[in-house]
Amino acid sequence: MSDIAKLGHTLTVIDQAALSVIFEPQSEERRAALCALIREHGPVMAEEYSLADIEIWRKKILGIAGEIVATATARQGGWSRVHLGLIVSYRRTMRGFIAKVLAALP
């Protein structure tokens, strides 16, 4: 699998996990699974690609993914309605960035 194909696959898997959390934000299992995927696939997302069109979006994905993991780590054991709303907002934002990158991949 080429590097670009790996990136596409990684973003698709993370996008699907983010969508499952949006549908059920109270699920600790789904939130943990998304964070695990972000950590596992972080190196693929962090790689430099020679496609100028996707670099800005890839970097934005890395930033928001880091915020998702940091928020989830800080909130283990206690989620208020406000924090659940914030995490859903982060995931929606990340999904928008992922859509931009997937649309630009060759």
PDB file of N, CA and C in Angstrom:
ATOM      1  N   MET A   1       0.850  -1.171   0.000  1.00  0.00           N
ATOM      2  CA  MET A   1       0.000   0.000   0.000  1.00  0.00           C
ATOM      3  C   MET A   1       0.898   1.238   0.000  1.00  0.00           C
ATOM      4  N   SER A   2       0.609   2.188  -0.879  1.00  0.00           N
ATOM      5  CA  SER A   2       1.416   3.406  -0.938  1.00  0.00           C
ATOM      6  C   SER A   2       1.164   4.284   0.288  1.00  0.00           C
ATOM      7  N   ASP A   3       2.055   5.241   0.494  1.00  0.00           N
ATOM      8  CA  ASP A   3       1.906   6.143   1.633  1.00  0.00           C
ATOM      9  C   ASP A   3       0.598   6.925   1.556  1.00  0.00           C
ATOM     10  N   ILE A   4       0.245   7.365   0.360  1.00  0.00           N
ATOM     11  CA  ILE A   4      -0.995   8.125   0.167  1.00  0.00           C
ATOM     12  C   ILE A   4      -2.199   7.232   0.446  1.00  0.00           C
ATOM     13  N   ALA A   5      -2.142   5.981   0.026  1.00  0.00           N
ATOM     14  CA  ALA A   5      -3.242   5.044   0.285  1.00  0.00           C
ATOM     15  C   ALA A   5      -3.363   4.778   1.783  1.00  0.00           C
ATOM     16  N   LYS A   6      -2.217   4.674   2.481  1.00  0.00           N
ATOM     17  CA  LYS A   6      -2.239   4.482   3.940  1.00  0.00           C
ATOM     18  C   LYS A   6      -2.902   5.672   4.627  1.00  0.00           C
ATOM     19  N   LEU A   7      -2.565   6.868   4.167  1.00  0.00           N
ATOM     20  CA  LEU A   7      -3.168   8.071   4.739  1.00  0.00           C
ATOM     21  C   LEU A   7      -4.678   8.060   4.519  1.00  0.00           C
ATOM     22  N   GLY A   8      -5.093   7.735   3.311  1.00  0.00           N
ATOM     23  CA  GLY A   8      -6.524   7.664   3.011  1.00  0.00           C
ATOM     24  C   GLY A   8      -7.233   6.650   3.881  1.00  0.00           C
ATOM     25  N   HIS A   9      -6.625   5.482   4.046  1.00  0.00           N
ATOM     26  CA  HIS A   9      -7.217   4.431   4.881  1.00  0.00           C
ATOM     27  C   HIS A   9      -7.281   4.881   6.339  1.00  0.00           C
ATOM     28  N   THR A  10      -6.195   5.443   6.837  1.00  0.00           N
ATOM     29  CA  THR A  10      -6.133   5.910   8.220  1.00  0.00           C
ATOM     30  C   THR A  10      -7.219   6.948   8.490  1.00  0.00           C
ATOM     31  N   LEU A  11      -7.338   7.928   7.610  1.00  0.00           N
ATOM     32  CA  LEU A  11      -8.324   8.980   7.810  1.00  0.00           C
ATOM     33  C   LEU A  11      -9.749   8.443   7.734  1.00  0.00           C
ATOM     34  N   THR A  12      -9.981   7.470   6.876  1.00  0.00           N
ATOM     35  CA  THR A  12     -11.311   6.871   6.767  1.00  0.00           C
ATOM     36  C   THR A  12     -11.669   6.136   8.056  1.00  0.00           C
ATOM     37  N   VAL A  13     -10.732   5.375   8.600  1.00  0.00           N
ATOM     38  CA  VAL A  13     -10.976   4.638   9.842  1.00  0.00           C
ATOM     39  C   VAL A  13     -11.238   5.607  11.002  1.00  0.00           C
ATOM     40  N   ILE A  14     -10.442   6.654  11.107  1.00  0.00           N
ATOM     41  CA  ILE A  14     -10.621   7.637  12.173  1.00  0.00           C
ATOM     42  C   ILE A  14     -11.935   8.388  11.985  1.00  0.00           C
ATOM     43  N   ASP A  15     -12.268   8.713  10.750  1.00  0.00           N
ATOM     44  CA  ASP A  15     -13.528   9.397  10.457  1.00  0.00           C
ATOM     45  C   ASP A  15     -14.726   8.566  10.901  1.00  0.00           C
ATOM     46  N   GLN A  16     -14.703   7.282  10.622  1.00  0.00           N
ATOM     47  CA  GLN A  16     -15.798   6.398  11.024  1.00  0.00           C
ATOM     48  C   GLN A  16     -15.905   6.314  12.553  1.00  0.00           C
ATOM     49  N   ALA A  17     -14.768   6.243  13.222  1.00  0.00           N
ATOM     50  CA  ALA A  17     -14.783   6.201  14.691  1.00  0.00           C
ATOM     51  C   ALA A  17     -15.313   7.518  15.264  1.00  0.00           C
ATOM     52  N   ALA A  18     -14.914   8.636  14.658  1.00  0.00           N
ATOM     53  CA  ALA A  18     -15.403   9.942  15.120  1.00  0.00           C
ATOM     54  C   ALA A  18     -16.915  10.042  14.938  1.00  0.00           C
ATOM     55  N   LEU A  19     -17.419   9.543  13.832  1.00  0.00           N
ATOM     56  CA  LEU A  19     -18.861   9.566  13.587  1.00  0.00           C
ATOM     57  C   LEU A  19     -19.600   8.738  14.632  1.00  0.00           C
ATOM     58  N   SER A  20     -19.049   7.594  15.005  1.00  0.00           N
ATOM     59  CA  SER A  20     -19.717   6.764  16.015  1.00  0.00           C
ATOM     60  C   SER A  20     -19.777   7.474  17.363  1.00  0.00           C
ATOM     61  N   VAL A  21     -18.767   8.288  17.673  1.00  0.00           N
ATOM     62  CA  VAL A  21     -18.779   9.047  18.929  1.00  0.00           C
ATOM     63  C   VAL A  21     -19.790  10.190  18.852  1.00  0.00           C
ATOM     64  N   ILE A  22     -19.908  10.803  17.680  1.00  0.00           N
ATOM     65  CA  ILE A  22     -20.898  11.875  17.507  1.00  0.00           C
ATOM     66  C   ILE A  22     -22.298  11.330  17.747  1.00  0.00           C
ATOM     67  N   PHE A  23     -22.561  10.116  17.262  1.00  0.00           N
ATOM     68  CA  PHE A  23     -23.879   9.516  17.441  1.00  0.00           C
ATOM     69  C   PHE A  23     -24.145   9.109  18.890  1.00  0.00           C
ATOM     70  N   GLU A  24     -23.078   8.759  19.613  1.00  0.00           N
ATOM     71  CA  GLU A  24     -23.246   8.329  21.002  1.00  0.00           C
ATOM     72  C   GLU A  24     -22.105   8.894  21.858  1.00  0.00           C
ATOM     73  N   PRO A  25     -22.141  10.221  22.122  1.00  0.00           N
ATOM     74  CA  PRO A  25     -21.030  10.860  22.830  1.00  0.00           C
ATOM     75  C   PRO A  25     -20.843  10.384  24.275  1.00  0.00           C
ATOM     76  N   GLN A  26     -21.859   9.813  24.884  1.00  0.00           N
ATOM     77  CA  GLN A  26     -21.733   9.344  26.262  1.00  0.00           C
ATOM     78  C   GLN A  26     -20.958   8.032  26.372  1.00  0.00           C
ATOM     79  N   SER A  27     -20.736   7.350  25.263  1.00  0.00           N
ATOM     80  CA  SER A  27     -20.075   6.052  25.279  1.00  0.00           C
ATOM     81  C   SER A  27     -18.576   6.195  25.532  1.00  0.00           C
ATOM     82  N   GLU A  28     -18.174   5.804  26.725  1.00  0.00           N
ATOM     83  CA  GLU A  28     -16.755   5.839  27.075  1.00  0.00           C
ATOM     84  C   GLU A  28     -15.951   4.912  26.164  1.00  0.00           C
ATOM     85  N   GLU A  29     -16.530   3.780  25.803  1.00  0.00           N
ATOM     86  CA  GLU A  29     -15.844   2.820  24.928  1.00  0.00           C
ATOM     87  C   GLU A  29     -15.547   3.435  23.565  1.00  0.00           C
ATOM     88  N   ARG A  30     -16.525   4.132  23.002  1.00  0.00           N
ATOM     89  CA  ARG A  30     -16.319   4.741  21.680  1.00  0.00           C
ATOM     90  C   ARG A  30     -15.298   5.865  21.738  1.00  0.00           C
ATOM     91  N   ARG A  31     -15.368   6.680  22.794  1.00  0.00           N
ATOM     92  CA  ARG A  31     -14.387   7.761  22.937  1.00  0.00           C
ATOM     93  C   ARG A  31     -12.981   7.184  23.095  1.00  0.00           C
ATOM     94  N   ALA A  32     -12.851   6.138  23.905  1.00  0.00           N
ATOM     95  CA  ALA A  32     -11.540   5.504  24.114  1.00  0.00           C
ATOM     96  C   ALA A  32     -11.023   4.874  22.818  1.00  0.00           C
ATOM     97  N   ALA A  33     -11.924   4.257  22.059  1.00  0.00           N
ATOM     98  CA  ALA A  33     -11.517   3.627  20.792  1.00  0.00           C
ATOM     99  C   ALA A  33     -11.009   4.680  19.808  1.00  0.00           C
ATOM    100  N   LEU A  34     -11.688   5.823  19.742  1.00  0.00           N
ATOM    101  CA  LEU A  34     -11.228   6.888  18.848  1.00  0.00           C
ATOM    102  C   LEU A  34      -9.859   7.400  19.281  1.00  0.00           C
ATOM    103  N   CYS A  35      -9.685   7.632  20.559  1.00  0.00           N
ATOM    104  CA  CYS A  35      -8.378   8.103  21.048  1.00  0.00           C
ATOM    105  C   CYS A  35      -7.275   7.086  20.754  1.00  0.00           C
ATOM    106  N   ALA A  36      -7.592   5.811  20.911  1.00  0.00           N
ATOM    107  CA  ALA A  36      -6.610   4.759  20.611  1.00  0.00           C
ATOM    108  C   ALA A  36      -6.235   4.768  19.128  1.00  0.00           C
ATOM    109  N   LEU A  37      -7.226   4.956  18.265  1.00  0.00           N
ATOM    110  CA  LEU A  37      -6.942   5.020  16.822  1.00  0.00           C
ATOM    111  C   LEU A  37      -6.079   6.232  16.489  1.00  0.00           C
ATOM    112  N   ILE A  38      -6.390   7.359  17.107  1.00  0.00           N
ATOM    113  CA  ILE A  38      -5.594   8.568  16.855  1.00  0.00           C
ATOM    114  C   ILE A  38      -4.152   8.337  17.282  1.00  0.00           C
ATOM    115  N   ARG A  39      -3.965   7.737  18.448  1.00  0.00           N
ATOM    116  CA  ARG A  39      -2.593   7.461  18.912  1.00  0.00           C
ATOM    117  C   ARG A  39      -1.886   6.457  18.009  1.00  0.00           C
ATOM    118  N   GLU A  40      -2.592   5.406  17.624  1.00  0.00           N
ATOM    119  CA  GLU A  40      -2.004   4.355  16.789  1.00  0.00           C
ATOM    120  C   GLU A  40      -1.611   4.873  15.413  1.00  0.00           C
ATOM    121  N   HIS A  41      -2.466   5.693  14.827  1.00  0.00           N
ATOM    122  CA  HIS A  41      -2.235   6.149  13.456  1.00  0.00           C
ATOM    123  C   HIS A  41      -1.598   7.539  13.384  1.00  0.00           C
ATOM    124  N   GLY A  42      -1.217   8.070  14.532  1.00  0.00           N
ATOM    125  CA  GLY A  42      -0.574   9.380  14.560  1.00  0.00           C
ATOM    126  C   GLY A  42       0.636   9.491  13.644  1.00  0.00           C
ATOM    127  N   PRO A  43       1.523   8.493  13.622  1.00  0.00           N
ATOM    128  CA  PRO A  43       2.686   8.588  12.740  1.00  0.00           C
ATOM    129  C   PRO A  43       2.313   8.707  11.257  1.00  0.00           C
ATOM    130  N   VAL A  44       1.266   8.015  10.831  1.00  0.00           N
ATOM    131  CA  VAL A  44       0.842   8.115   9.429  1.00  0.00           C
ATOM    132  C   VAL A  44       0.338   9.527   9.148  1.00  0.00           C
ATOM    133  N   MET A  45      -0.424  10.081  10.095  1.00  0.00           N
ATOM    134  CA  MET A  45      -0.952  11.440   9.893  1.00  0.00           C
ATOM    135  C   MET A  45       0.150  12.487   9.988  1.00  0.00           C
ATOM    136  N   ALA A  46       1.210  12.198  10.729  1.00  0.00           N
ATOM    137  CA  ALA A  46       2.292  13.163  10.933  1.00  0.00           C
ATOM    138  C   ALA A  46       3.308  13.174   9.793  1.00  0.00           C
ATOM    139  N   GLU A  47       3.283  12.153   8.948  1.00  0.00           N
ATOM    140  CA  GLU A  47       4.238  12.099   7.836  1.00  0.00           C
ATOM    141  C   GLU A  47       4.042  13.279   6.899  1.00  0.00           C
ATOM    142  N   GLU A  48       5.136  13.734   6.328  1.00  0.00           N
ATOM    143  CA  GLU A  48       5.073  14.787   5.312  1.00  0.00           C
ATOM    144  C   GLU A  48       4.750  14.134   3.970  1.00  0.00           C
ATOM    145  N   TYR A  49       3.808  14.698   3.270  1.00  0.00           N
ATOM    146  CA  TYR A  49       3.443  14.197   1.944  1.00  0.00           C
ATOM    147  C   TYR A  49       3.749  15.285   0.934  1.00  0.00           C
ATOM    148  N   SER A  50       4.036  14.904  -0.272  1.00  0.00           N
ATOM    149  CA  SER A  50       4.432  15.882  -1.290  1.00  0.00           C
ATOM    150  C   SER A  50       3.232  16.464  -2.035  1.00  0.00           C
ATOM    151  N   LEU A  51       2.088  16.440  -1.401  1.00  0.00           N
ATOM    152  CA  LEU A  51       0.885  17.002  -2.005  1.00  0.00           C
ATOM    153  C   LEU A  51       0.536  18.299  -1.282  1.00  0.00           C
ATOM    154  N   ALA A  52       0.901  19.411  -1.880  1.00  0.00           N
ATOM    155  CA  ALA A  52       0.719  20.714  -1.234  1.00  0.00           C
ATOM    156  C   ALA A  52      -0.733  20.973  -0.858  1.00  0.00           C
ATOM    157  N   ASP A  53      -1.675  20.468  -1.644  1.00  0.00           N
ATOM    158  CA  ASP A  53      -3.095  20.726  -1.388  1.00  0.00           C
ATOM    159  C   ASP A  53      -3.577  20.161  -0.064  1.00  0.00           C
ATOM    160  N   ILE A  54      -2.955  19.097   0.405  1.00  0.00           N
ATOM    161  CA  ILE A  54      -3.456  18.464   1.630  1.00  0.00           C
ATOM    162  C   ILE A  54      -2.667  18.828   2.880  1.00  0.00           C
ATOM    163  N   GLU A  55      -1.509  19.412   2.734  1.00  0.00           N
ATOM    164  CA  GLU A  55      -0.645  19.635   3.895  1.00  0.00           C
ATOM    165  C   GLU A  55      -1.298  20.493   4.969  1.00  0.00           C
ATOM    166  N   ILE A  56      -1.945  21.576   4.616  1.00  0.00           N
ATOM    167  CA  ILE A  56      -2.569  22.437   5.621  1.00  0.00           C
ATOM    168  C   ILE A  56      -3.686  21.693   6.349  1.00  0.00           C
ATOM    169  N   TRP A  57      -4.475  20.905   5.607  1.00  0.00           N
ATOM    170  CA  TRP A  57      -5.577  20.159   6.223  1.00  0.00           C
ATOM    171  C   TRP A  57      -5.048  19.024   7.090  1.00  0.00           C
ATOM    172  N   ARG A  58      -3.972  18.392   6.644  1.00  0.00           N
ATOM    173  CA  ARG A  58      -3.363  17.319   7.431  1.00  0.00           C
ATOM    174  C   ARG A  58      -2.860  17.870   8.757  1.00  0.00           C
ATOM    175  N   LYS A  59      -2.249  19.039   8.723  1.00  0.00           N
ATOM    176  CA  LYS A  59      -1.749  19.651   9.952  1.00  0.00           C
ATOM    177  C   LYS A  59      -2.900  20.057  10.869  1.00  0.00           C
ATOM    178  N   LYS A  60      -4.002  20.507  10.292  1.00  0.00           N
ATOM    179  CA  LYS A  60      -5.174  20.846  11.104  1.00  0.00           C
ATOM    180  C   LYS A  60      -5.757  19.587  11.750  1.00  0.00           C
ATOM    181  N   ILE A  61      -5.762  18.483  11.003  1.00  0.00           N
ATOM    182  CA  ILE A  61      -6.238  17.210  11.563  1.00  0.00           C
ATOM    183  C   ILE A  61      -5.373  16.815  12.752  1.00  0.00           C
ATOM    184  N   LEU A  62      -4.065  16.932  12.613  1.00  0.00           N
ATOM    185  CA  LEU A  62      -3.157  16.597  13.718  1.00  0.00           C
ATOM    186  C   LEU A  62      -3.449  17.453  14.944  1.00  0.00           C
ATOM    187  N   GLY A  63      -3.690  18.730  14.727  1.00  0.00           N
ATOM    188  CA  GLY A  63      -3.970  19.632  15.843  1.00  0.00           C
ATOM    189  C   GLY A  63      -5.256  19.281  16.563  1.00  0.00           C
ATOM    190  N   ILE A  64      -6.319  19.073  15.820  1.00  0.00           N
ATOM    191  CA  ILE A  64      -7.604  18.767  16.446  1.00  0.00           C
ATOM    192  C   ILE A  64      -7.583  17.369  17.057  1.00  0.00           C
ATOM    193  N   ALA A  65      -6.867  16.438  16.441  1.00  0.00           N
ATOM    194  CA  ALA A  65      -6.743  15.090  17.016  1.00  0.00           C
ATOM    195  C   ALA A  65      -6.029  15.172  18.366  1.00  0.00           C
ATOM    196  N   GLY A  66      -5.018  16.013  18.444  1.00  0.00           N
ATOM    197  CA  GLY A  66      -4.321  16.208  19.715  1.00  0.00           C
ATOM    198  C   GLY A  66      -5.243  16.794  20.777  1.00  0.00           C
ATOM    199  N   GLU A  67      -6.105  17.721  20.377  1.00  0.00           N
ATOM    200  CA  GLU A  67      -7.072  18.305  21.315  1.00  0.00           C
ATOM    201  C   GLU A  67      -8.072  17.256  21.798  1.00  0.00           C
ATOM    202  N   ILE A  68      -8.499  16.389  20.903  1.00  0.00           N
ATOM    203  CA  ILE A  68      -9.447  15.330  21.276  1.00  0.00           C
ATOM    204  C   ILE A  68      -8.822  14.419  22.324  1.00  0.00           C
ATOM    205  N   VAL A  69      -7.599  13.985  22.076  1.00  0.00           N
ATOM    206  CA  VAL A  69      -6.922  13.089  23.022  1.00  0.00           C
ATOM    207  C   VAL A  69      -6.666  13.807  24.343  1.00  0.00           C
ATOM    208  N   ALA A  70      -6.219  15.062  24.289  1.00  0.00           N
ATOM    209  CA  ALA A  70      -5.942  15.813  25.523  1.00  0.00           C
ATOM    210  C   ALA A  70      -7.213  16.021  26.336  1.00  0.00           C
ATOM    211  N   THR A  71      -8.310  16.363  25.678  1.00  0.00           N
ATOM    212  CA  THR A  71      -9.573  16.573  26.382  1.00  0.00           C
ATOM    213  C   THR A  71     -10.068  15.275  26.995  1.00  0.00           C
ATOM    214  N   ALA A  72      -9.979  14.194  26.237  1.00  0.00           N
ATOM    215  CA  ALA A  72     -10.425  12.897  26.753  1.00  0.00           C
ATOM    216  C   ALA A  72      -9.575  12.459  27.938  1.00  0.00           C
ATOM    217  N   THR A  73      -8.285  12.693  27.872  1.00  0.00           N
ATOM    218  CA  THR A  73      -7.386  12.311  28.955  1.00  0.00           C
ATOM    219  C   THR A  73      -7.670  13.139  30.214  1.00  0.00           C
ATOM    220  N   ALA A  74      -7.914  14.423  30.032  1.00  0.00           N
ATOM    221  CA  ALA A  74      -8.172  15.305  31.162  1.00  0.00           C
ATOM    222  C   ALA A  74      -9.521  15.026  31.822  1.00  0.00           C
ATOM    223  N   ARG A  75     -10.449  14.484  31.078  1.00  0.00           N
ATOM    224  CA  ARG A  75     -11.809  14.297  31.573  1.00  0.00           C
ATOM    225  C   ARG A  75     -12.138  12.861  31.956  1.00  0.00           C
ATOM    226  N   GLN A  76     -11.165  12.002  32.038  1.00  0.00           N
ATOM    227  CA  GLN A  76     -11.463  10.611  32.397  1.00  0.00           C
ATOM    228  C   GLN A  76     -12.183  10.568  33.736  1.00  0.00           C
ATOM    229  N   GLY A  77     -13.309   9.903  33.727  1.00  0.00           N
ATOM    230  CA  GLY A  77     -14.066   9.733  34.960  1.00  0.00           C
ATOM    231  C   GLY A  77     -15.171  10.737  35.172  1.00  0.00           C
ATOM    232  N   GLY A  78     -15.180  11.840  34.436  1.00  0.00           N
ATOM    233  CA  GLY A  78     -16.232  12.817  34.648  1.00  0.00           C
ATOM    234  C   GLY A  78     -16.496  13.677  33.441  1.00  0.00           C
ATOM    235  N   TRP A  79     -17.645  13.503  32.832  1.00  0.00           N
ATOM    236  CA  TRP A  79     -18.017  14.267  31.645  1.00  0.00           C
ATOM    237  C   TRP A  79     -19.305  15.030  31.923  1.00  0.00           C
ATOM    238  N   SER A  80     -19.231  16.334  31.809  1.00  0.00           N
ATOM    239  CA  SER A  80     -20.436  17.137  31.935  1.00  0.00           C
ATOM    240  C   SER A  80     -21.038  17.318  30.542  1.00  0.00           C
ATOM    241  N   ARG A  81     -22.221  17.836  30.501  1.00  0.00           N
ATOM    242  CA  ARG A  81     -22.899  18.096  29.234  1.00  0.00           C
ATOM    243  C   ARG A  81     -22.072  19.046  28.359  1.00  0.00           C
ATOM    244  N   VAL A  82     -21.465  20.037  28.999  1.00  0.00           N
ATOM    245  CA  VAL A  82     -20.632  21.008  28.274  1.00  0.00           C
ATOM    246  C   VAL A  82     -19.430  20.314  27.644  1.00  0.00           C
ATOM    247  N   HIS A  83     -18.757  19.452  28.396  1.00  0.00           N
ATOM    248  CA  HIS A  83     -17.580  18.765  27.863  1.00  0.00           C
ATOM    249  C   HIS A  83     -17.963  17.794  26.750  1.00  0.00           C
ATOM    250  N   LEU A  84     -19.111  17.142  26.882  1.00  0.00           N
ATOM    251  CA  LEU A  84     -19.561  16.253  25.807  1.00  0.00           C
ATOM    252  C   LEU A  84     -19.840  17.055  24.539  1.00  0.00           C
ATOM    253  N   GLY A  85     -20.431  18.227  24.703  1.00  0.00           N
ATOM    254  CA  GLY A  85     -20.684  19.096  23.548  1.00  0.00           C
ATOM    255  C   GLY A  85     -19.396  19.543  22.891  1.00  0.00           C
ATOM    256  N   LEU A  86     -18.402  19.867  23.704  1.00  0.00           N
ATOM    257  CA  LEU A  86     -17.105  20.289  23.180  1.00  0.00           C
ATOM    258  C   LEU A  86     -16.447  19.165  22.393  1.00  0.00           C
ATOM    259  N   ILE A  87     -16.464  17.980  22.931  1.00  0.00           N
ATOM    260  CA  ILE A  87     -15.805  16.856  22.263  1.00  0.00           C
ATOM    261  C   ILE A  87     -16.522  16.507  20.958  1.00  0.00           C
ATOM    262  N   VAL A  88     -17.852  16.612  20.937  1.00  0.00           N
ATOM    263  CA  VAL A  88     -18.597  16.376  19.693  1.00  0.00           C
ATOM    264  C   VAL A  88     -18.236  17.451  18.664  1.00  0.00           C
ATOM    265  N   SER A  89     -18.096  18.683  19.112  1.00  0.00           N
ATOM    266  CA  SER A  89     -17.697  19.767  18.207  1.00  0.00           C
ATOM    267  C   SER A  89     -16.310  19.512  17.618  1.00  0.00           C
ATOM    268  N   TYR A  90     -15.369  19.084  18.466  1.00  0.00           N
ATOM    269  CA  TYR A  90     -14.029  18.752  17.975  1.00  0.00           C
ATOM    270  C   TYR A  90     -14.101  17.660  16.912  1.00  0.00           C
ATOM    271  N   ARG A  91     -14.901  16.656  17.163  1.00  0.00           N
ATOM    272  CA  ARG A  91     -14.985  15.533  16.228  1.00  0.00           C
ATOM    273  C   ARG A  91     -15.624  15.955  14.912  1.00  0.00           C
ATOM    274  N   ARG A  92     -16.616  16.790  14.977  1.00  0.00           N
ATOM    275  CA  ARG A  92     -17.233  17.299  13.732  1.00  0.00           C
ATOM    276  C   ARG A  92     -16.222  18.116  12.941  1.00  0.00           C
ATOM    277  N   THR A  93     -15.454  18.935  13.643  1.00  0.00           N
ATOM    278  CA  THR A  93     -14.419  19.735  12.980  1.00  0.00           C
ATOM    279  C   THR A  93     -13.394  18.822  12.315  1.00  0.00           C
ATOM    280  N   MET A  94     -12.943  17.814  13.050  1.00  0.00           N
ATOM    281  CA  MET A  94     -11.968  16.881  12.498  1.00  0.00           C
ATOM    282  C   MET A  94     -12.532  16.172  11.268  1.00  0.00           C
ATOM    283  N   ARG A  95     -13.793  15.785  11.317  1.00  0.00           N
ATOM    284  CA  ARG A  95     -14.407  15.106  10.179  1.00  0.00           C
ATOM    285  C   ARG A  95     -14.427  16.019   8.953  1.00  0.00           C
ATOM    286  N   GLY A  96     -14.656  17.312   9.150  1.00  0.00           N
ATOM    287  CA  GLY A  96     -14.619  18.259   8.039  1.00  0.00           C
ATOM    288  C   GLY A  96     -13.234  18.349   7.421  1.00  0.00           C
ATOM    289  N   PHE A  97     -12.198  18.379   8.274  1.00  0.00           N
ATOM    290  CA  PHE A  97     -10.822  18.415   7.779  1.00  0.00           C
ATOM    291  C   PHE A  97     -10.494  17.130   7.023  1.00  0.00           C
ATOM    292  N   ILE A  98     -10.922  15.992   7.564  1.00  0.00           N
ATOM    293  CA  ILE A  98     -10.675  14.703   6.910  1.00  0.00           C
ATOM    294  C   ILE A  98     -11.331  14.675   5.537  1.00  0.00           C
ATOM    295  N   ALA A  99     -12.541  15.176   5.431  1.00  0.00           N
ATOM    296  CA  ALA A  99     -13.244  15.204   4.140  1.00  0.00           C
ATOM    297  C   ALA A  99     -12.455  16.011   3.106  1.00  0.00           C
ATOM    298  N   LYS A 100     -11.856  17.125   3.540  1.00  0.00           N
ATOM    299  CA  LYS A 100     -11.044  17.947   2.624  1.00  0.00           C
ATOM    300  C   LYS A 100      -9.835  17.157   2.112  1.00  0.00           C
ATOM    301  N   VAL A 101      -9.161  16.450   3.008  1.00  0.00           N
ATOM    302  CA  VAL A 101      -7.974  15.690   2.607  1.00  0.00           C
ATOM    303  C   VAL A 101      -8.375  14.524   1.699  1.00  0.00           C
ATOM    304  N   LEU A 102      -9.398  13.779   2.080  1.00  0.00           N
ATOM    305  CA  LEU A 102      -9.805  12.633   1.262  1.00  0.00           C
ATOM    306  C   LEU A 102     -10.229  13.070  -0.140  1.00  0.00           C
ATOM    307  N   ALA A 103     -10.873  14.235  -0.241  1.00  0.00           N
ATOM    308  CA  ALA A 103     -11.291  14.727  -1.549  1.00  0.00           C
ATOM    309  C   ALA A 103     -10.091  15.124  -2.412  1.00  0.00           C
ATOM    310  N   ALA A 104      -8.986  15.525  -1.786  1.00  0.00           N
ATOM    311  CA  ALA A 104      -7.804  15.980  -2.518  1.00  0.00           C
ATOM    312  C   ALA A 104      -6.815  14.863  -2.843  1.00  0.00           C
ATOM    313  N   LEU A 105      -6.998  13.681  -2.232  1.00  0.00           N
ATOM    314  CA  LEU A 105      -6.056  12.584  -2.494  1.00  0.00           C
ATOM    315  C   LEU A 105      -6.216  12.074  -3.929  1.00  0.00           C
ATOM    316  N   PRO A 106      -5.073  11.721  -4.538  1.00  0.00           N
ATOM    317  CA  PRO A 106      -5.145  11.194  -5.915  1.00  0.00           C
ATOM    318  C   PRO A 106      -5.726   9.787  -5.956  1.00  0.00           C
TER     319      PRO A 106
END
